Structure formats: C-alpha cells, structure tokens
Amino acid sequence: MTPGTDWIDQAQRLVEAVRGSLASAVPPADGEAGHSADCRWCPVCQVAAVVRGERPEVTAALADLLTTAAAALRTVAEAGQPAPPATAPAQDGEPPAPVQQIDIA
C-alpha cells in the first residue's frame, strides 16, 4: 500500500464517521418546518442530502478535491527538501557561473 492510498483510506473512514454522526443529528425531512422532502435549493437541505448519501456526485467531487489537495501538499513538502547539486564545481574550486555566454551565428 502506498502512502497516498493509505491517506485516501483514512480520509474515507473519516468521511464515513462524520457522515454517521451528522446523519443522526439531522432531523428527518418530514419534521423540518417549511421544507419539503424534495427541497433542492436550500443549503441546509443540500448538506443534509450529501450527508445522507443522496448526492454521490458531490461526494465524488469532494473526494477529488481532497485527493488534489493532498497531492499538492505532498509536492510542497517534497519541494522543501534540499535538492542534490545540479552541476559540479569548476576544477579550480570556483562555483559555476550563473550565466552562460551562448554565441548565435
């Protein structure tokens, strides 16, 4: 198992745990004042639908977003590590020149 898939598995377990705890806290649709069971514009009803698992496309988009964010954070973390020297120093001990003269004919 690679570190990336391990992170994804842990994130999926976290989402399932949050979904389970929020599903028990959200009142049923028939008990909500002023909202029908098919409410599609209210942000509260939309979040409740995602938590209940009725909107798999939103869950897939969130999973894609989290995967992209993890990849970006991994790239940033790897960029913080020192890179090996690109070129060897010159024979006389001086570092290579930062600019190279290129003649164009």
Protein backbone atom coordinates (compact mmCIF):
# COMPACT_ATOMS: atom_id res chain seq x y z
CA MET A 1 0.00 0.00 0.00
CA THR A 2 1.45 3.37 -0.98
CA PRO A 3 1.34 6.39 1.36
CA GLY A 4 -1.16 8.07 -0.99
CA THR A 5 -3.65 5.22 -0.86
CA ASP A 6 -3.21 4.95 2.90
CA TRP A 7 -4.12 8.63 3.23
CA ILE A 8 -7.14 8.18 0.96
CA ASP A 9 -8.36 5.21 3.01
CA GLN A 10 -8.04 7.22 6.21
CA ALA A 11 -9.91 10.16 4.65
CA GLN A 12 -12.71 7.86 3.51
CA ARG A 13 -13.04 6.42 7.02
CA LEU A 14 -13.14 9.94 8.44
CA VAL A 15 -15.87 10.98 5.99
CA GLU A 16 -17.91 7.88 6.86
CA ALA A 17 -17.56 8.60 10.59
CA VAL A 18 -18.60 12.24 10.14
CA ARG A 19 -21.47 11.18 7.87
CA GLY A 20 -22.72 8.73 10.52
CA SER A 21 -22.59 11.27 13.33
CA LEU A 22 -24.18 14.05 11.29
CA ALA A 23 -26.91 11.79 9.94
CA SER A 24 -28.10 11.11 13.46
CA ALA A 25 -28.04 14.84 14.28
CA VAL A 26 -30.04 15.95 11.20
CA PRO A 27 -33.80 15.79 11.76
CA PRO A 28 -35.85 13.83 9.24
CA ALA A 29 -37.17 15.73 6.23
CA ASP A 30 -40.82 15.50 7.32
CA GLY A 31 -40.00 17.18 10.66
CA GLU A 32 -38.40 20.26 9.13
CA ALA A 33 -40.50 23.39 9.23
CA GLY A 34 -41.23 24.84 5.79
CA HIS A 35 -39.13 22.35 3.81
CA SER A 36 -40.45 19.54 1.68
CA ALA A 37 -38.62 16.26 1.17
CA ASP A 38 -37.59 17.32 -2.35
CA CYS A 39 -36.07 20.73 -1.40
CA ARG A 40 -33.19 21.32 -3.85
CA TRP A 41 -32.22 24.97 -3.31
CA CYS A 42 -31.81 25.32 0.48
CA PRO A 43 -28.14 24.97 1.53
CA VAL A 44 -29.15 23.17 4.74
CA CYS A 45 -31.14 20.59 2.79
CA GLN A 46 -28.30 20.19 0.28
CA VAL A 47 -25.78 19.48 3.05
CA ALA A 48 -28.21 17.05 4.66
CA ALA A 49 -28.63 15.26 1.30
CA VAL A 50 -24.85 14.93 0.94
CA VAL A 51 -24.55 13.59 4.50
CA ARG A 52 -27.32 11.06 3.88
CA GLY A 53 -25.51 9.89 0.74
CA GLU A 54 -28.19 11.06 -1.68
CA ARG A 55 -25.74 13.17 -3.71
CA PRO A 56 -22.92 10.84 -4.82
CA GLU A 57 -21.71 13.34 -7.43
CA VAL A 58 -20.96 15.88 -4.68
CA THR A 59 -19.22 13.23 -2.60
CA ALA A 60 -17.13 12.26 -5.64
CA ALA A 61 -16.24 15.91 -6.29
CA LEU A 62 -15.20 16.36 -2.64
CA ALA A 63 -13.07 13.21 -2.82
CA ASP A 64 -11.42 14.52 -6.00
CA LEU A 65 -10.78 17.87 -4.32
CA LEU A 66 -9.24 16.21 -1.27
CA THR A 67 -7.05 14.00 -3.46
CA THR A 68 -5.83 17.01 -5.42
CA ALA A 69 -5.14 18.94 -2.22
CA ALA A 70 -3.19 16.00 -0.79
CA ALA A 71 -1.10 15.76 -3.97
CA ALA A 72 -0.41 19.49 -3.85
CA LEU A 73 0.62 19.32 -0.19
CA ARG A 74 2.86 16.35 -0.93
CA THR A 75 4.52 18.29 -3.75
CA VAL A 76 5.08 21.29 -1.50
CA ALA A 77 6.53 19.07 1.23
CA GLU A 78 8.89 17.39 -1.23
CA ALA A 79 9.94 20.80 -2.60
CA GLY A 80 11.11 21.79 0.89
CA GLN A 81 13.78 19.09 0.88
CA PRO A 82 17.22 20.13 -0.39
CA ALA A 83 17.98 19.03 -3.92
CA PRO A 84 21.31 17.48 -4.89
CA PRO A 85 23.70 19.87 -6.62
CA ALA A 86 22.90 20.16 -10.33
CA THR A 87 26.46 20.72 -11.53
CA ALA A 88 29.87 20.02 -10.10
CA PRO A 89 32.06 22.99 -9.18
CA ALA A 90 34.76 24.06 -11.61
CA GLN A 91 38.20 22.44 -11.42
CA ASP A 92 39.81 25.45 -9.74
CA GLY A 93 37.27 25.42 -6.87
CA GLU A 94 35.11 28.30 -8.11
CA PRO A 95 31.35 27.79 -8.39
CA PRO A 96 29.97 27.69 -11.93
CA ALA A 97 28.98 30.98 -13.49
CA PRO A 98 25.27 31.82 -13.06
CA VAL A 99 25.05 32.93 -16.71
CA GLN A 100 26.48 31.17 -19.74
CA GLN A 101 27.54 33.03 -22.88
CA ILE A 102 25.93 31.50 -26.00
CA ASP A 103 27.04 32.80 -29.39
CA ILE A 104 24.35 32.77 -32.06
CA ALA A 105 25.63 32.77 -35.61
